[in-house]
Protein backbone atom coordinates (compact mmCIF):
# COMPACT_ATOMS: atom_id res chain seq x y z
CA MET A 1 2.62 -15.92 5.80
CA ILE A 2 -0.57 -15.88 3.75
CA ALA A 3 -0.76 -18.49 1.00
CA ARG A 4 -0.96 -17.00 -2.46
CA GLN A 5 -4.08 -17.92 -4.38
CA PRO A 6 -3.46 -18.58 -8.10
CA PHE A 7 -5.03 -16.25 -10.62
CA GLU A 8 -8.25 -17.88 -11.78
CA ALA A 9 -9.99 -15.32 -13.96
CA GLY A 10 -9.62 -17.59 -16.97
CA ASN A 11 -7.81 -14.99 -19.06
CA PRO A 12 -6.05 -16.92 -21.85
CA GLU A 13 -3.76 -13.94 -22.44
CA CYS A 14 -2.22 -13.97 -18.95
CA LYS A 15 1.08 -15.28 -20.41
CA VAL A 16 1.36 -12.50 -22.97
CA SER A 17 4.88 -11.06 -23.26
CA THR A 18 5.90 -7.58 -24.30
CA VAL A 19 5.42 -6.11 -27.75
CA SER A 20 8.39 -3.77 -27.31
CA LYS A 21 10.77 -2.55 -24.63
CA ILE A 22 9.29 -0.40 -21.88
CA GLY A 23 11.37 1.99 -19.78
CA PRO A 24 10.89 3.26 -16.21
CA LEU A 25 7.69 5.24 -15.62
CA LEU A 26 7.28 8.41 -13.56
CA LEU A 27 3.73 8.30 -12.20
CA ILE A 28 1.23 11.09 -11.52
CA PRO A 29 -0.40 10.76 -8.08
CA GLU A 30 -4.17 10.83 -7.71
CA TYR A 31 -5.35 12.91 -4.71
CA HIS A 32 -8.48 12.12 -2.70
CA GLU A 33 -10.32 14.36 -0.26
CA ARG A 34 -11.23 12.68 3.02
CA VAL A 35 -13.15 13.98 6.04
CA TRP A 36 -10.21 12.95 8.25
CA GLY A 37 -7.46 14.30 5.96
CA GLY A 38 -4.88 17.06 6.40
CA GLN A 39 -2.72 19.44 4.37
CA ARG A 40 0.66 17.68 4.18
CA LEU A 41 0.16 15.85 0.88
CA ARG A 42 -1.07 18.85 -1.10
CA PRO A 43 -2.33 22.28 0.05
CA SER A 44 -6.07 22.42 -0.58
CA ALA A 45 -9.19 24.18 0.62
CA ASN A 46 -10.51 20.73 1.54
CA PRO A 47 -8.63 18.09 3.55
CA ILE A 48 -6.58 15.67 1.43
CA GLY A 49 -6.39 12.29 3.10
CA GLU A 50 -4.91 10.08 0.39
CA ALA A 51 -2.50 10.26 -2.51
CA TRP A 52 -2.76 7.14 -4.66
CA ILE A 53 0.78 6.96 -5.99
CA VAL A 54 0.84 3.50 -7.61
CA TYR A 55 -2.40 2.02 -8.92
CA GLU A 56 -3.78 0.69 -12.18
CA ARG A 57 -5.48 4.05 -12.89
CA ASN A 58 -2.32 6.15 -12.37
CA ARG A 59 -1.05 7.84 -15.53
CA VAL A 60 2.51 8.27 -16.73
CA ALA A 61 3.86 11.82 -16.37
CA SER A 62 6.32 11.95 -19.28
CA GLY A 63 8.20 9.99 -21.92
CA PRO A 64 6.95 7.68 -24.68
CA GLU A 65 4.05 6.38 -22.55
CA GLU A 66 2.92 9.81 -21.29
CA GLY A 67 -0.79 9.89 -20.41
CA ARG A 68 -1.30 6.13 -20.45
CA THR A 69 -2.51 4.27 -17.36
CA LEU A 70 -0.74 1.37 -15.68
CA ALA A 71 -3.71 -0.82 -16.60
CA GLU A 72 -3.22 -0.01 -20.29
CA LEU A 73 0.51 -0.63 -20.07
CA ALA A 74 0.09 -3.90 -18.16
CA ASP A 75 -2.23 -5.14 -20.89
CA ARG A 76 0.21 -4.08 -23.62
CA PHE A 77 3.58 -5.07 -22.13
CA GLY A 78 2.58 -7.95 -19.87
CA ARG A 79 5.52 -9.80 -18.36
CA ASP A 80 8.10 -7.12 -19.24
CA LEU A 81 6.27 -4.60 -17.06
CA LEU A 82 4.80 -6.80 -14.32
CA GLY A 83 7.18 -9.74 -14.06
CA SER A 84 6.56 -13.45 -13.67
CA ARG A 85 5.45 -13.23 -10.03
CA ALA A 86 2.66 -10.74 -10.73
CA LEU A 87 1.41 -12.73 -13.72
CA ASP A 88 1.19 -15.80 -11.49
CA ALA A 89 -0.78 -13.87 -8.87
CA THR A 90 -3.19 -11.58 -10.74
CA GLY A 91 -2.64 -12.11 -14.46
CA LEU A 92 -2.47 -8.81 -16.34
CA ARG A 93 -4.19 -6.93 -13.52
CA PHE A 94 -1.74 -4.56 -11.82
CA PRO A 95 -1.35 -6.26 -8.40
CA LEU A 96 -0.77 -3.41 -5.92
CA LEU A 97 -2.28 -0.17 -4.67
CA ILE A 98 0.17 2.14 -2.90
CA LYS A 99 -0.92 5.28 -1.07
CA LEU A 100 0.37 8.09 1.08
CA LEU A 101 -2.03 8.89 3.94
CA ASP A 102 -2.29 12.10 5.98
CA ALA A 103 -4.50 11.59 9.05
CA ALA A 104 -5.57 14.71 10.97
CA GLU A 105 -8.41 12.80 12.68
CA TRP A 106 -9.18 9.16 13.43
CA LEU A 107 -10.01 7.14 10.34
CA SER A 108 -13.03 4.88 10.56
CA LEU A 109 -12.56 1.59 12.37
CA GLN A 110 -12.61 -0.90 9.52
CA VAL A 111 -11.82 -4.39 8.30
CA HIS A 112 -11.01 -5.88 4.89
CA PRO A 113 -11.91 -9.32 3.50
CA ASN A 114 -9.44 -11.84 2.12
CA ASN A 115 -9.56 -12.95 -1.52
CA GLU A 116 -12.06 -15.75 -0.98
CA GLN A 117 -14.37 -13.59 1.14
CA ALA A 118 -14.20 -10.69 -1.33
CA ARG A 119 -15.21 -12.90 -4.24
CA CYS A 120 -18.01 -14.49 -2.24
CA LEU A 121 -19.44 -11.21 -0.92
CA GLU A 122 -18.75 -8.81 -3.79
CA GLY A 123 -18.18 -10.83 -6.97
CA GLU A 124 -15.50 -12.81 -8.80
CA GLN A 125 -13.69 -9.69 -10.05
CA HIS A 126 -12.81 -8.52 -6.53
CA PHE A 127 -9.63 -9.07 -4.54
CA GLY A 128 -9.15 -9.03 -0.79
CA LYS A 129 -7.02 -6.48 0.98
CA THR A 130 -3.96 -7.28 3.03
CA GLU A 131 -1.86 -4.18 3.69
CA ALA A 132 1.12 -2.74 5.54
CA TRP A 133 1.90 0.72 6.90
CA HIS A 134 5.27 2.46 7.22
CA ILE A 135 5.09 5.53 9.45
CA LEU A 136 6.80 8.59 7.94
CA GLU A 137 5.83 11.22 10.53
CA ALA A 138 4.10 10.84 13.89
CA GLU A 139 3.12 13.42 16.47
CA PRO A 140 4.00 12.52 20.09
CA GLY A 141 1.55 9.96 21.45
CA ALA A 142 0.11 9.06 18.02
CA ARG A 143 -1.72 5.74 18.03
CA VAL A 144 -3.33 3.19 15.76
CA ILE A 145 -5.84 0.45 16.44
CA SER A 146 -4.74 -2.98 15.24
CA GLY A 147 -6.83 -5.97 16.25
CA LEU A 148 -8.99 -6.85 19.23
CA ARG A 149 -8.16 -7.52 22.85
CA GLN A 150 -7.16 -11.09 23.58
CA GLY A 151 -10.09 -13.33 24.43
CA THR A 152 -12.74 -11.38 22.49
CA THR A 153 -15.42 -13.76 21.16
CA ARG A 154 -17.58 -13.35 18.07
CA ASP A 155 -20.60 -12.85 20.33
CA ASP A 156 -18.68 -10.09 22.14
CA LEU A 157 -17.90 -8.45 18.82
CA ALA A 158 -21.49 -8.72 17.54
CA THR A 159 -22.88 -7.18 20.73
CA ALA A 160 -20.35 -4.34 20.69
CA LEU A 161 -20.90 -3.54 17.01
CA ARG A 162 -24.65 -3.28 17.43
CA ALA A 163 -24.41 -1.34 20.70
CA GLY A 164 -21.72 1.06 19.47
CA THR A 165 -19.25 -0.04 22.18
CA ILE A 166 -16.61 -1.56 19.91
CA LEU A 167 -13.88 0.74 21.29
CA ASP A 168 -14.02 -1.24 24.54
CA LEU A 169 -12.65 -4.28 22.68
CA VAL A 170 -9.87 -2.88 20.47
CA HIS A 171 -6.10 -3.06 20.83
CA TYR A 172 -4.33 0.32 20.75
CA CYS A 173 -0.71 0.63 19.67
CA GLU A 174 1.48 3.73 20.02
CA VAL A 175 3.62 4.40 16.95
CA LYS A 176 6.53 6.61 15.89
CA ALA A 177 8.31 7.50 12.67
CA GLY A 178 10.11 4.49 11.19
CA ASP A 179 7.67 1.88 12.50
CA THR A 180 6.14 -0.70 10.17
CA ILE A 181 2.82 -2.45 10.88
CA PHE A 182 1.57 -5.44 8.89
CA THR A 183 -2.24 -5.68 8.71
CA ALA A 184 -3.55 -8.96 7.36
CA ALA A 185 -7.03 -9.18 5.86
CA GLY A 186 -9.54 -9.69 8.67
CA THR A 187 -7.75 -7.39 11.14
CA ILE A 188 -9.99 -4.69 12.63
CA HIS A 189 -7.92 -1.49 12.48
CA ALA A 190 -7.82 2.30 12.31
CA LEU A 191 -5.25 5.08 11.95
CA GLY A 192 -5.20 7.83 14.55
CA PRO A 193 -4.58 11.57 14.17
CA GLY A 194 -1.12 13.06 13.72
CA LEU A 195 0.17 10.45 11.27
CA LEU A 196 1.70 10.65 7.80
CA LEU A 197 2.40 7.24 6.33
CA TYR A 198 3.03 5.01 3.34
CA GLU A 199 0.56 2.19 2.73
CA VAL A 200 0.96 -0.77 0.39
CA GLN A 201 -1.86 -3.21 -0.26
CA GLN A 202 -3.38 -5.62 -2.71
CA THR A 203 -5.03 -4.08 -5.74
CA SER A 204 -8.25 -3.45 -3.85
CA ASP A 205 -9.84 -0.66 -1.86
CA LEU A 206 -12.63 -2.90 -0.53
CA THR A 207 -13.42 -1.71 3.00
CA TYR A 208 -16.09 -2.65 5.53
CA ARG A 209 -16.60 0.21 7.96
CA VAL A 210 -17.06 -0.99 11.56
CA TRP A 211 -17.33 2.32 13.43
CA ASP A 212 -16.99 5.96 12.38
CA TRP A 213 -16.55 7.87 15.63
CA ASN A 214 -20.15 9.16 15.58
CA ARG A 215 -19.41 11.42 12.65
CA PRO A 216 -22.62 12.96 11.26
CA LEU A 217 -24.62 10.87 8.82
CA THR A 218 -24.31 13.77 6.37
CA ALA A 219 -20.72 12.60 5.85
CA GLY A 220 -22.32 9.72 3.94
CA ARG A 221 -20.18 7.03 5.55
CA GLU A 222 -22.23 3.85 5.81
CA LEU A 223 -21.41 1.18 8.41
CA HIS A 224 -21.14 -2.46 7.31
CA VAL A 225 -21.88 -4.36 10.52
CA GLU A 226 -22.94 -7.74 9.12
CA LYS A 227 -20.12 -7.99 6.58
CA SER A 228 -17.63 -6.85 9.24
CA LEU A 229 -18.78 -9.67 11.50
CA GLU A 230 -18.40 -12.18 8.70
CA VAL A 231 -14.83 -11.31 7.68
CA SER A 232 -13.21 -10.29 11.00
CA ASP A 233 -10.38 -12.46 12.31
CA LEU A 234 -10.66 -12.25 16.11
CA ASP A 235 -7.04 -13.30 16.64
CA ALA A 236 -5.43 -10.98 14.06
CA CYS A 237 -3.39 -8.23 15.69
CA GLY A 238 -0.59 -6.10 14.26
CA GLU A 239 2.38 -4.71 16.19
CA ALA A 240 4.64 -1.77 15.38
CA VAL A 241 8.10 -2.97 14.35
CA PRO A 242 10.77 -0.24 14.49
CA ALA A 243 13.41 -0.04 11.78
CA PRO A 244 17.01 -0.37 13.04
CA ASN A 245 19.63 2.28 12.39
CA LEU A 246 21.04 1.68 8.93
CA GLY A 247 24.46 2.42 7.53
CA ASP A 248 25.28 4.21 4.30
CA GLY A 249 24.07 2.42 1.18
CA ALA A 250 21.92 -0.04 3.14
CA ARG A 251 18.82 -1.98 2.11
CA LEU A 252 16.43 -3.58 4.62
CA ARG A 253 13.33 -5.74 4.16
CA LEU A 254 10.56 -4.05 6.18
CA CYS A 255 7.81 -6.58 5.50
CA GLY A 256 6.80 -9.32 3.14
CA CYS A 257 3.84 -11.61 2.55
CA ALA A 258 2.30 -13.61 -0.29
CA PHE A 259 1.10 -10.41 -1.99
CA PHE A 260 3.91 -7.85 -1.65
CA GLN A 261 7.24 -6.97 -0.10
CA VAL A 262 8.66 -3.59 0.90
CA ASP A 263 12.34 -2.70 1.27
CA LEU A 264 13.82 0.43 2.82
CA VAL A 265 16.89 1.92 1.13
CA HIS A 266 18.99 4.43 3.07
CA SER A 267 22.05 6.36 1.98
CA HIS A 268 23.82 9.70 2.18
CA ALA A 269 26.72 8.99 -0.18
CA GLU A 270 26.85 5.42 -1.49
CA PRO A 271 24.56 4.20 -4.31
CA VAL A 272 22.20 1.35 -3.44
CA PRO A 273 22.19 -1.42 -6.10
CA LEU A 274 18.86 -3.07 -6.98
CA ASP A 275 17.75 -5.64 -9.56
CA THR A 276 14.29 -6.57 -10.83
CA ALA A 277 15.70 -9.80 -12.32
CA GLY A 278 12.67 -10.13 -14.60
CA GLU A 279 10.61 -11.38 -11.68
CA THR A 280 8.78 -8.27 -10.49
CA PHE A 281 8.46 -4.54 -11.11
CA HIS A 282 9.86 -2.20 -8.45
CA ALA A 283 7.85 0.83 -7.29
CA VAL A 284 10.48 3.25 -5.94
CA THR A 285 9.12 6.06 -3.74
CA ILE A 286 11.42 8.64 -2.16
CA VAL A 287 10.18 9.48 1.34
CA GLU A 288 13.11 11.64 2.48
CA GLY A 289 15.53 13.76 0.45
CA THR A 290 16.17 13.47 -3.28
CA ALA A 291 17.81 10.79 -5.37
CA GLU A 292 18.82 9.82 -8.88
CA VAL A 293 17.50 6.43 -9.97
CA SER A 294 19.43 5.12 -12.96
CA GLY A 295 20.16 2.06 -15.05
CA ALA A 296 21.59 1.17 -18.45
CA GLY A 297 20.88 4.18 -20.68
CA TRP A 298 18.36 5.91 -18.43
CA SER A 299 18.19 8.15 -15.36
CA HIS A 300 15.42 9.87 -13.37
CA ALA A 301 15.74 12.46 -10.60
CA LEU A 302 13.16 11.89 -7.85
CA ASN A 303 12.06 14.34 -5.16
CA ARG A 304 10.26 13.52 -1.94
CA PHE A 305 7.00 11.61 -2.50
CA GLU A 306 7.70 11.03 -6.20
CA THR A 307 7.44 7.46 -7.49
CA LEU A 308 9.20 5.71 -10.35
CA LEU A 309 7.88 2.36 -11.55
CA VAL A 310 10.81 0.26 -12.74
CA PRO A 311 9.58 -2.51 -15.09
CA ALA A 312 10.46 -6.12 -14.36
CA ALA A 313 12.51 -6.41 -17.56
CA THR A 314 14.84 -3.58 -16.48
CA GLY A 315 17.32 -5.71 -14.54
CA ALA A 316 20.08 -3.98 -12.57
CA TYR A 317 19.79 -0.31 -11.55
CA GLU A 318 20.72 1.87 -8.59
CA VAL A 319 19.43 4.57 -6.28
CA ARG A 320 22.07 7.28 -5.92
CA PRO A 321 21.50 9.83 -3.12
CA ARG A 322 21.76 13.59 -3.42
CA GLY A 323 22.49 14.06 0.26
CA ARG A 324 20.66 11.94 2.84
CA VAL A 325 17.89 9.90 1.25
CA ARG A 326 15.38 7.25 2.27
CA GLY A 327 13.31 5.36 -0.25
CA LEU A 328 10.75 2.56 -0.18
CA VAL A 329 10.78 -0.13 -2.85
CA ALA A 330 7.60 -2.19 -3.23
CA SER A 331 7.41 -5.33 -5.35
CA VAL A 332 5.56 -8.63 -5.61
CA GLU A 333 6.72 -11.48 -3.35
C-alpha cells in the first residue's frame, strides 16, 4: 500500500461544498492517435491507441451540465461531486485519469515518477502516476513487461539503458482477458501487442520513456534515460491476478491503493447495489453488454465502453443488467 500524501497546493477553497445538486454525468471520450494503436476503440484512418474516458478535460454529453468539463464541475460543486476522500487527496483537482487502450504493437518501455519525484523533477503542480490495468481482450500469447529481473542493480540498469540492451533485464508476464495488474510508480513496464484494456491512474500522464523498440526518430518519441534512472524502483514488479468466476449480481474488488480502487460488477439478471456514501464519486464503465444505471429519480442506459460519473452526493444506486453485463467502478480509496 502506498501512503497517501496530503494535498498541499495551499488552495483555501479546497473545502468548498456544492452550490446546488448535481446529477450523474454521461461523459464524452477523448480519442488519441498513437503509433502503436489499433482500430477497436474507434474506426479511423490512423491508429487510435487511447480513449480518455474519465479525466478533468472530459466534457458532459447531455443534461443540465452539457458541454462543461469535469474540471469546471469539480470547481463548482466541490465535495458533492468529488467526495471527502478526493478533497483530502487532491483538493478540487479531479483525482483520476481513466483510459481504454488498444495496443496493436508494443508500447514504449516506460516508467512513471511518484508524487514527490514528479514535483521535484517537473514542478509543484505535477502528480506522480501509479496505475492499474484490467485486461478486456487478449490475443493468445499476449504479454506485458512489468518490472526488472530479480537482482538487477542500478549500475546494470544504467549500462543497459545507454547501450540499448534493456530488454535483457526486464520481466515478461503473459496475460489473458480478466487479469488485473497493479503498476506502482517506479515500475518499468510496457504493454505488448494484441491487448485491449482498461487503465486507471492518478490524474497525471507524466511518462519517462526508457526504450521505444528502435522506432524511427521521425516518430518524435524522445527517450528520457537520466530521469528514468532517477525514478525507477528496481524491486517493483507487477503480476497478473486473474478474476475468479463470479455469480449473478456479484461485486469484486480488483485492486486498491492509496490513490484509487476498482471494483468489477457482474450480472445477467440481478441488479448490483452500490453506494457513494458521500465519500467518493463512482466512475461506472460498462465493458461487456449493456446496463441501466439508476438511482432516486434518475436513470441512464449505458452501452459497452460508455461511462457514467456518479457524484459522491448521490448515495445509493444500482446497476441493472440488460442480459449479461460486466462493469468496472473506479473511485478514490
